[in-house]
Structure formats: C-alpha cells, structure tokens
Amino acid sequence: MENEKSKLSIMLRLFLDVLLFGSVWGILEATLGTLLHLPFVDKAGMYAASSTIMVPIAYYLMANCYKRTGKFYALPMMGVIAALIKLTVAFVVGFRPSVYNPAIYIIVESLAMMGAVAIFRPTKVLSLKTLGAVILANTTYQFSYLLINMANGGTNIFTAEGWTRTAEKYLFMFNGLAILYLFASGAIFYGLFKLAERFQFEFKFDYKKIVYSPITASATFAVAVALTITFAAIL
C-alpha cells in the first residue's frame, strides 16, 4: 500500500512539473510568440522571427523540465500541454491549419528534444552537453518542419531550387541564428550565476515551495489558456 502511494506521489509530482513548464511555454507562445508575428516585428526578418527566438526559449524550458523530472518522456508530455493551450485559439478563430499546425510543431519540437536529451544525457541546464542536445534537437526540428510543410503542399526541398531557396535558409540561417542566440544567452546566465556564487548570494526564502506547488501549476495553466484566447481575440 505504501509503495503504491509512493508511486502515485511521484507520478503526481511529475505531472505537476510537466504542467508548470508546459503552461509557461504556452504563456510565452501566447504573448511573445504572438507579438513576433505582428507586421512591424516581422519586418526584422529572421533576426526577430519566432523560429530564432521562441525555439531557444522552448529548449530552455524543456532542459529545465528534464533536469527537474529526470524523465525523457516528460518532454513530449510538456509539449502536449503547450500544444493543447495553443489549440484553444480555435475557440476564437475556428479549427484551421493556422491553429493546429503550430500545435503540431510544438509537439515535434518536444519529440526532437527528447531524442537529443536521450543521446547527450545532460545533467545541467547550462552545459556543453545541453548545448549539443539543443543543436541536434533544433536541426532535427527544422528538418521535420520542412518535411511537414512539404507534405502540406509547400516547397519540395529535395529539388535543387527548393533546397537552395528554402532548406538552406531554415537548416543553416534560421537554425544557426537560433543556436547563436541560445549560446549568447546561456553564456550571460552562466556568468550571472557564477557571479552570484562568488558573492555567496542566496535567496532568503524557499522559492521552490511556491514555484513547484499544485496551486502554481494549475494557476499557470489557467493563465496560459486565458492569455492565449485573449490575444487571439484581440490580435
């Protein structure tokens, strides 16, 4: 009986962690992701594109989720949560490709990261192993995106023109810039953490009890859904 309770407690903890990180992903997709698709931001091209900014953020969240849970399968579970939040846009605009395709891409991202993490097995979020996992995951994701787009009637990347005009842009330019953003931000975070260690900075309260609580996970999910629907209605 005690053993069953312990297993149930572990699974509940895993679900709450997945729900929290997946909901944060959903919030960022609803806010930052939506803003990145606005015309005045879109003019910046790949430098402010969703593929170069949102994707690295998603990998940060997945790396943290993996570190917290230690389970590979937690990443696609997290992707499903974020995808379901994304699909709530359908309540406003209806169920159409512009709604369900982004949800599919989110799940593909999470599956790519799961495979990469299973290969590299990073123990820290800010590490060379994590960077290697993200490079592999994002390259896999970008290639999968091109294949899905081709299956939906998009550019055939297996022709000389399609490869030069489309595949190279996503696999090298967008992918390279996203990895550069990730490396630069990771270096900044690493420096800040090392600086905090040097000055022996510590939180005066146990923030983990607040962040990783059932109330926080549930509230974050509710906020993610509300923001997604609100932004879809406004924009």
C-alpha atoms as a PDB file:
ATOM      1  CA  MET A   1       0.000   0.000   0.000  1.00  0.00           C
ATOM      2  CA  GLU A   2       2.783   2.400   0.957  1.00  0.00           C
ATOM      3  CA  ASN A   3       4.601   1.506  -2.237  1.00  0.00           C
ATOM      4  CA  GLU A   4       1.535   2.376  -4.334  1.00  0.00           C
ATOM      5  CA  LYS A   5       1.127   5.705  -2.527  1.00  0.00           C
ATOM      6  CA  SER A   6       4.785   6.493  -3.174  1.00  0.00           C
ATOM      7  CA  LYS A   7       4.416   5.724  -6.906  1.00  0.00           C
ATOM      8  CA  LEU A   8       1.266   7.823  -7.084  1.00  0.00           C
ATOM      9  CA  SER A   9       3.034  10.712  -5.363  1.00  0.00           C
ATOM     10  CA  ILE A  10       5.953  10.521  -7.819  1.00  0.00           C
ATOM     11  CA  MET A  11       3.607  10.478 -10.829  1.00  0.00           C
ATOM     12  CA  LEU A  12       1.629  13.409  -9.432  1.00  0.00           C
ATOM     13  CA  ARG A  13       4.834  15.370  -8.890  1.00  0.00           C
ATOM     14  CA  LEU A  14       5.920  14.584 -12.446  1.00  0.00           C
ATOM     15  CA  PHE A  15       2.562  15.703 -13.841  1.00  0.00           C
ATOM     16  CA  LEU A  16       2.661  18.981 -11.900  1.00  0.00           C
ATOM     17  CA  ASP A  17       6.201  19.726 -13.121  1.00  0.00           C
ATOM     18  CA  VAL A  18       5.166  18.993 -16.706  1.00  0.00           C
ATOM     19  CA  LEU A  19       2.019  21.087 -16.288  1.00  0.00           C
ATOM     20  CA  LEU A  20       4.036  24.029 -14.933  1.00  0.00           C
ATOM     21  CA  PHE A  21       6.712  24.085 -17.645  1.00  0.00           C
ATOM     22  CA  GLY A  22       4.211  23.322 -20.406  1.00  0.00           C
ATOM     23  CA  SER A  23       1.988  26.159 -19.205  1.00  0.00           C
ATOM     24  CA  VAL A  24       4.892  28.622 -19.088  1.00  0.00           C
ATOM     25  CA  TRP A  25       5.668  27.581 -22.654  1.00  0.00           C
ATOM     26  CA  GLY A  26       2.008  28.230 -23.505  1.00  0.00           C
ATOM     27  CA  ILE A  27       2.116  31.686 -21.911  1.00  0.00           C
ATOM     28  CA  LEU A  28       5.210  32.647 -23.906  1.00  0.00           C
ATOM     29  CA  GLU A  29       3.649  31.331 -27.129  1.00  0.00           C
ATOM     30  CA  ALA A  30       0.516  33.382 -26.433  1.00  0.00           C
ATOM     31  CA  THR A  31       2.382  36.602 -25.632  1.00  0.00           C
ATOM     32  CA  LEU A  32       5.869  36.770 -27.132  1.00  0.00           C
ATOM     33  CA  GLY A  33       5.065  34.298 -29.900  1.00  0.00           C
ATOM     34  CA  THR A  34       2.040  36.342 -30.979  1.00  0.00           C
ATOM     35  CA  LEU A  35       3.975  39.631 -30.897  1.00  0.00           C
ATOM     36  CA  LEU A  36       6.747  38.168 -33.054  1.00  0.00           C
ATOM     37  CA  HIS A  37       4.194  37.538 -35.808  1.00  0.00           C
ATOM     38  CA  LEU A  38       2.966  41.142 -35.896  1.00  0.00           C
ATOM     39  CA  PRO A  39       3.812  43.065 -39.097  1.00  0.00           C
ATOM     40  CA  PHE A  40       6.126  45.664 -37.517  1.00  0.00           C
ATOM     41  CA  VAL A  41       8.190  42.921 -35.840  1.00  0.00           C
ATOM     42  CA  ASP A  42       8.071  40.669 -38.883  1.00  0.00           C
ATOM     43  CA  LYS A  43       9.943  43.348 -40.863  1.00  0.00           C
ATOM     44  CA  ALA A  44      13.112  42.444 -38.955  1.00  0.00           C
ATOM     45  CA  GLY A  45      13.134  39.094 -40.766  1.00  0.00           C
ATOM     46  CA  MET A  46      14.909  36.128 -39.223  1.00  0.00           C
ATOM     47  CA  TYR A  47      16.556  38.262 -36.519  1.00  0.00           C
ATOM     48  CA  ALA A  48      13.217  38.627 -34.708  1.00  0.00           C
ATOM     49  CA  ALA A  49      11.448  35.560 -36.099  1.00  0.00           C
ATOM     50  CA  SER A  50       9.599  33.048 -33.966  1.00  0.00           C
ATOM     51  CA  SER A  51      11.937  30.301 -35.253  1.00  0.00           C
ATOM     52  CA  THR A  52      15.001  32.098 -33.899  1.00  0.00           C
ATOM     53  CA  ILE A  53      13.622  33.464 -30.621  1.00  0.00           C
ATOM     54  CA  MET A  54      10.778  31.238 -29.409  1.00  0.00           C
ATOM     55  CA  VAL A  55      12.526  27.967 -30.246  1.00  0.00           C
ATOM     56  CA  PRO A  56      15.584  28.582 -27.983  1.00  0.00           C
ATOM     57  CA  ILE A  57      13.241  29.634 -25.156  1.00  0.00           C
ATOM     58  CA  ALA A  58      11.283  26.405 -25.584  1.00  0.00           C
ATOM     59  CA  TYR A  59      14.510  24.396 -25.325  1.00  0.00           C
ATOM     60  CA  TYR A  60      15.471  26.221 -22.122  1.00  0.00           C
ATOM     61  CA  LEU A  61      12.112  25.262 -20.620  1.00  0.00           C
ATOM     62  CA  MET A  62      12.464  21.644 -21.749  1.00  0.00           C
ATOM     63  CA  ALA A  63      16.014  21.429 -20.365  1.00  0.00           C
ATOM     64  CA  ASN A  64      14.743  22.693 -17.018  1.00  0.00           C
ATOM     65  CA  CYS A  65      11.844  20.258 -17.112  1.00  0.00           C
ATOM     66  CA  TYR A  66      14.217  17.360 -17.799  1.00  0.00           C
ATOM     67  CA  LYS A  67      16.540  18.438 -15.001  1.00  0.00           C
ATOM     68  CA  ARG A  68      13.586  18.695 -12.614  1.00  0.00           C
ATOM     69  CA  THR A  69      11.982  15.350 -13.516  1.00  0.00           C
ATOM     70  CA  GLY A  70      14.893  13.293 -14.828  1.00  0.00           C
ATOM     71  CA  LYS A  71      12.495  11.642 -17.300  1.00  0.00           C
ATOM     72  CA  PHE A  72      12.869  11.728 -21.090  1.00  0.00           C
ATOM     73  CA  TYR A  73       9.143  11.248 -21.651  1.00  0.00           C
ATOM     74  CA  ALA A  74       8.377  14.360 -19.582  1.00  0.00           C
ATOM     75  CA  LEU A  75       9.414  16.481 -22.589  1.00  0.00           C
ATOM     76  CA  PRO A  76       6.750  15.273 -25.065  1.00  0.00           C
ATOM     77  CA  MET A  77       4.229  15.420 -22.210  1.00  0.00           C
ATOM     78  CA  MET A  78       5.225  19.044 -21.730  1.00  0.00           C
ATOM     79  CA  GLY A  79       4.861  19.571 -25.479  1.00  0.00           C
ATOM     80  CA  VAL A  80       1.333  18.145 -25.398  1.00  0.00           C
ATOM     81  CA  ILE A  81       0.361  20.600 -22.623  1.00  0.00           C
ATOM     82  CA  ALA A  82       1.753  23.569 -24.587  1.00  0.00           C
ATOM     83  CA  ALA A  83       0.091  22.304 -27.790  1.00  0.00           C
ATOM     84  CA  LEU A  84      -3.302  21.935 -26.085  1.00  0.00           C
ATOM     85  CA  ILE A  85      -3.015  25.505 -24.809  1.00  0.00           C
ATOM     86  CA  LYS A  86      -2.146  26.651 -28.327  1.00  0.00           C
ATOM     87  CA  LEU A  87      -5.222  24.851 -29.699  1.00  0.00           C
ATOM     88  CA  THR A  88      -7.564  26.929 -27.524  1.00  0.00           C
ATOM     89  CA  VAL A  89      -7.159  29.613 -30.200  1.00  0.00           C
ATOM     90  CA  ALA A  90      -9.718  27.515 -32.107  1.00  0.00           C
ATOM     91  CA  PHE A  91     -12.446  28.810 -29.772  1.00  0.00           C
ATOM     92  CA  VAL A  92     -11.888  32.256 -31.317  1.00  0.00           C
ATOM     93  CA  VAL A  93     -10.886  31.669 -34.956  1.00  0.00           C
ATOM     94  CA  GLY A  94     -12.032  28.116 -35.573  1.00  0.00           C
ATOM     95  CA  PHE A  95     -10.103  24.893 -36.154  1.00  0.00           C
ATOM     96  CA  ARG A  96      -7.914  25.542 -39.201  1.00  0.00           C
ATOM     97  CA  PRO A  97      -4.308  24.936 -40.355  1.00  0.00           C
ATOM     98  CA  SER A  98      -3.024  28.197 -38.810  1.00  0.00           C
ATOM     99  CA  VAL A  99      -4.262  26.853 -35.472  1.00  0.00           C
ATOM    100  CA  TYR A 100      -3.361  23.174 -35.484  1.00  0.00           C
ATOM    101  CA  ASN A 101      -0.064  23.375 -37.436  1.00  0.00           C
ATOM    102  CA  PRO A 102       1.725  25.384 -34.674  1.00  0.00           C
ATOM    103  CA  ALA A 103       0.462  22.822 -32.144  1.00  0.00           C
ATOM    104  CA  ILE A 104       1.936  20.026 -34.273  1.00  0.00           C
ATOM    105  CA  TYR A 105       5.259  21.869 -34.488  1.00  0.00           C
ATOM    106  CA  ILE A 106       5.350  22.249 -30.698  1.00  0.00           C
ATOM    107  CA  ILE A 107       4.980  18.500 -30.249  1.00  0.00           C
ATOM    108  CA  VAL A 108       7.635  17.850 -32.918  1.00  0.00           C
ATOM    109  CA  GLU A 109       9.986  20.184 -31.027  1.00  0.00           C
ATOM    110  CA  SER A 110       9.445  18.280 -27.804  1.00  0.00           C
ATOM    111  CA  LEU A 111       9.991  14.900 -29.501  1.00  0.00           C
ATOM    112  CA  ALA A 112      13.203  16.157 -31.109  1.00  0.00           C
ATOM    113  CA  MET A 113      14.464  17.382 -27.735  1.00  0.00           C
ATOM    114  CA  MET A 114      13.558  14.094 -26.067  1.00  0.00           C
ATOM    115  CA  GLY A 115      15.658  12.189 -28.601  1.00  0.00           C
ATOM    116  CA  ALA A 116      18.573  14.610 -28.275  1.00  0.00           C
ATOM    117  CA  VAL A 117      18.490  14.505 -24.468  1.00  0.00           C
ATOM    118  CA  ALA A 118      18.422  10.696 -24.557  1.00  0.00           C
ATOM    119  CA  ILE A 119      21.662  10.811 -26.566  1.00  0.00           C
ATOM    120  CA  PHE A 120      23.555  13.542 -24.681  1.00  0.00           C
ATOM    121  CA  ARG A 121      22.042  12.995 -21.195  1.00  0.00           C
ATOM    122  CA  PRO A 122      22.889  16.460 -19.788  1.00  0.00           C
ATOM    123  CA  THR A 123      22.921  16.857 -16.011  1.00  0.00           C
ATOM    124  CA  LYS A 124      22.889  20.665 -16.014  1.00  0.00           C
ATOM    125  CA  VAL A 125      20.801  23.180 -17.947  1.00  0.00           C
ATOM    126  CA  LEU A 126      23.810  25.389 -18.716  1.00  0.00           C
ATOM    127  CA  SER A 127      26.356  22.921 -20.064  1.00  0.00           C
ATOM    128  CA  LEU A 128      28.040  21.883 -23.287  1.00  0.00           C
ATOM    129  CA  LYS A 129      26.006  18.664 -23.289  1.00  0.00           C
ATOM    130  CA  THR A 130      22.792  20.670 -23.185  1.00  0.00           C
ATOM    131  CA  LEU A 131      24.065  22.896 -25.997  1.00  0.00           C
ATOM    132  CA  GLY A 132      24.889  19.791 -28.036  1.00  0.00           C
ATOM    133  CA  ALA A 133      21.426  18.373 -27.351  1.00  0.00           C
ATOM    134  CA  VAL A 134      19.776  21.610 -28.463  1.00  0.00           C
ATOM    135  CA  ILE A 135      21.849  21.808 -31.663  1.00  0.00           C
ATOM    136  CA  LEU A 136      20.798  18.257 -32.562  1.00  0.00           C
ATOM    137  CA  ALA A 137      17.181  18.824 -31.496  1.00  0.00           C
ATOM    138  CA  ASN A 138      16.790  22.098 -33.373  1.00  0.00           C
ATOM    139  CA  THR A 139      18.371  20.736 -36.545  1.00  0.00           C
ATOM    140  CA  THR A 140      16.010  17.752 -36.366  1.00  0.00           C
ATOM    141  CA  TYR A 141      13.078  20.047 -35.695  1.00  0.00           C
ATOM    142  CA  GLN A 142      13.875  22.402 -38.586  1.00  0.00           C
ATOM    143  CA  PHE A 143      14.202  19.466 -40.985  1.00  0.00           C
ATOM    144  CA  SER A 144      10.934  17.980 -39.688  1.00  0.00           C
ATOM    145  CA  TYR A 145       9.259  21.364 -40.152  1.00  0.00           C
ATOM    146  CA  LEU A 146      10.358  21.417 -43.800  1.00  0.00           C
ATOM    147  CA  LEU A 147       9.049  17.885 -44.353  1.00  0.00           C
ATOM    148  CA  ILE A 148       5.675  18.674 -42.765  1.00  0.00           C
ATOM    149  CA  ASN A 149       5.418  21.864 -44.792  1.00  0.00           C
ATOM    150  CA  MET A 150       6.251  19.917 -47.960  1.00  0.00           C
ATOM    151  CA  ALA A 151       3.599  17.298 -47.112  1.00  0.00           C
ATOM    152  CA  ASN A 152       1.069  20.136 -46.815  1.00  0.00           C
ATOM    153  CA  GLY A 153       1.825  21.337 -50.340  1.00  0.00           C
ATOM    154  CA  GLY A 154       4.819  23.531 -49.550  1.00  0.00           C
ATOM    155  CA  THR A 155       8.217  23.694 -51.238  1.00  0.00           C
ATOM    156  CA  ASN A 156       9.794  20.400 -52.273  1.00  0.00           C
ATOM    157  CA  ILE A 157      13.182  20.628 -50.559  1.00  0.00           C
ATOM    158  CA  PHE A 158      14.529  17.647 -52.473  1.00  0.00           C
ATOM    159  CA  THR A 159      14.824  19.649 -55.677  1.00  0.00           C
ATOM    160  CA  ALA A 160      17.896  21.799 -56.341  1.00  0.00           C
ATOM    161  CA  GLU A 161      15.850  25.013 -56.265  1.00  0.00           C
ATOM    162  CA  GLY A 162      13.817  24.005 -53.217  1.00  0.00           C
ATOM    163  CA  TRP A 163      16.931  23.036 -51.256  1.00  0.00           C
ATOM    164  CA  THR A 164      18.754  26.278 -52.100  1.00  0.00           C
ATOM    165  CA  ARG A 165      15.759  28.597 -51.645  1.00  0.00           C
ATOM    166  CA  THR A 166      14.123  27.034 -48.577  1.00  0.00           C
ATOM    167  CA  ALA A 167      16.012  24.195 -46.889  1.00  0.00           C
ATOM    168  CA  GLU A 168      19.326  26.029 -46.607  1.00  0.00           C
ATOM    169  CA  LYS A 169      17.569  29.062 -45.143  1.00  0.00           C
ATOM    170  CA  TYR A 170      15.987  27.058 -42.324  1.00  0.00           C
ATOM    171  CA  LEU A 171      18.710  24.482 -41.694  1.00  0.00           C
ATOM    172  CA  PHE A 172      21.624  26.926 -41.759  1.00  0.00           C
ATOM    173  CA  MET A 173      20.458  30.540 -41.365  1.00  0.00           C
ATOM    174  CA  PHE A 174      17.470  30.243 -39.005  1.00  0.00           C
ATOM    175  CA  ASN A 175      18.948  27.268 -37.187  1.00  0.00           C
ATOM    176  CA  GLY A 176      22.371  28.912 -36.852  1.00  0.00           C
ATOM    177  CA  LEU A 177      20.940  32.179 -35.544  1.00  0.00           C
ATOM    178  CA  ALA A 178      18.735  30.369 -33.015  1.00  0.00           C
ATOM    179  CA  ILE A 179      21.758  28.435 -31.718  1.00  0.00           C
ATOM    180  CA  LEU A 180      23.785  31.664 -31.575  1.00  0.00           C
ATOM    181  CA  TYR A 181      21.031  33.329 -29.507  1.00  0.00           C
ATOM    182  CA  LEU A 182      20.938  30.293 -27.228  1.00  0.00           C
ATOM    183  CA  PHE A 183      24.717  30.242 -26.778  1.00  0.00           C
ATOM    184  CA  ALA A 184      24.883  34.003 -26.072  1.00  0.00           C
ATOM    185  CA  SER A 185      22.033  33.970 -23.562  1.00  0.00           C
ATOM    186  CA  GLY A 186      23.410  30.823 -21.924  1.00  0.00           C
ATOM    187  CA  ALA A 187      26.814  32.470 -21.535  1.00  0.00           C
ATOM    188  CA  ILE A 188      25.179  35.507 -19.900  1.00  0.00           C
ATOM    189  CA  PHE A 189      23.148  33.368 -17.485  1.00  0.00           C
ATOM    190  CA  TYR A 190      26.215  31.264 -16.657  1.00  0.00           C
ATOM    191  CA  GLY A 191      28.215  34.406 -15.883  1.00  0.00           C
ATOM    192  CA  LEU A 192      25.463  35.789 -13.663  1.00  0.00           C
ATOM    193  CA  PHE A 193      25.171  32.531 -11.730  1.00  0.00           C
ATOM    194  CA  LYS A 194      28.934  32.355 -11.234  1.00  0.00           C
ATOM    195  CA  LEU A 195      28.911  35.971 -10.048  1.00  0.00           C
ATOM    196  CA  ALA A 196      26.133  35.135  -7.561  1.00  0.00           C
ATOM    197  CA  GLU A 197      28.175  32.159  -6.298  1.00  0.00           C
ATOM    198  CA  ARG A 198      31.262  34.326  -5.865  1.00  0.00           C
ATOM    199  CA  PHE A 199      29.372  36.843  -3.738  1.00  0.00           C
ATOM    200  CA  GLN A 200      27.586  33.968  -1.961  1.00  0.00           C
ATOM    201  CA  PHE A 201      24.162  35.280  -2.904  1.00  0.00           C
ATOM    202  CA  GLU A 202      21.298  33.171  -1.568  1.00  0.00           C
ATOM    203  CA  PHE A 203      17.520  33.516  -1.561  1.00  0.00           C
ATOM    204  CA  LYS A 204      16.157  34.263   1.892  1.00  0.00           C
ATOM    205  CA  PHE A 205      13.029  32.187   1.254  1.00  0.00           C
ATOM    206  CA  ASP A 206      12.369  28.767  -0.192  1.00  0.00           C
ATOM    207  CA  TYR A 207      11.008  29.792  -3.595  1.00  0.00           C
ATOM    208  CA  LYS A 208      10.745  26.154  -4.721  1.00  0.00           C
ATOM    209  CA  LYS A 209       7.797  25.553  -2.402  1.00  0.00           C
ATOM    210  CA  ILE A 210       5.949  28.359  -4.179  1.00  0.00           C
ATOM    211  CA  VAL A 211       7.069  27.675  -7.744  1.00  0.00           C
ATOM    212  CA  TYR A 212       6.627  23.895  -7.653  1.00  0.00           C
ATOM    213  CA  SER A 213       3.267  23.741  -5.904  1.00  0.00           C
ATOM    214  CA  PRO A 214      -0.027  22.320  -7.262  1.00  0.00           C
ATOM    215  CA  ILE A 215      -1.634  25.758  -6.968  1.00  0.00           C
ATOM    216  CA  THR A 216       1.120  27.427  -9.013  1.00  0.00           C
ATOM    217  CA  ALA A 217       0.990  24.766 -11.745  1.00  0.00           C
ATOM    218  CA  SER A 218      -2.809  24.944 -12.000  1.00  0.00           C
ATOM    219  CA  ALA A 219      -2.879  28.747 -11.922  1.00  0.00           C
ATOM    220  CA  THR A 220      -0.164  28.963 -14.589  1.00  0.00           C
ATOM    221  CA  PHE A 221      -2.176  26.658 -16.847  1.00  0.00           C
ATOM    222  CA  ALA A 222      -5.306  28.774 -16.342  1.00  0.00           C
ATOM    223  CA  VAL A 223      -3.377  31.979 -17.104  1.00  0.00           C
ATOM    224  CA  ALA A 224      -1.871  30.393 -20.236  1.00  0.00           C
ATOM    225  CA  VAL A 225      -5.301  29.433 -21.581  1.00  0.00           C
ATOM    226  CA  ALA A 226      -6.779  32.853 -20.736  1.00  0.00           C
ATOM    227  CA  LEU A 227      -3.907  34.728 -22.388  1.00  0.00           C
ATOM    228  CA  THR A 228      -3.966  32.540 -25.484  1.00  0.00           C
ATOM    229  CA  ILE A 229      -7.690  33.122 -26.046  1.00  0.00           C
ATOM    230  CA  THR A 230      -7.446  36.841 -25.182  1.00  0.00           C
ATOM    231  CA  PHE A 231      -4.541  37.554 -27.548  1.00  0.00           C
ATOM    232  CA  ALA A 232      -6.263  35.582 -30.310  1.00  0.00           C
ATOM    233  CA  ALA A 233      -9.423  37.658 -29.839  1.00  0.00           C
ATOM    234  CA  ILE A 234      -7.586  40.991 -29.760  1.00  0.00           C
ATOM    235  CA  LEU A 235      -4.991  40.415 -32.475  1.00  0.00           C
END
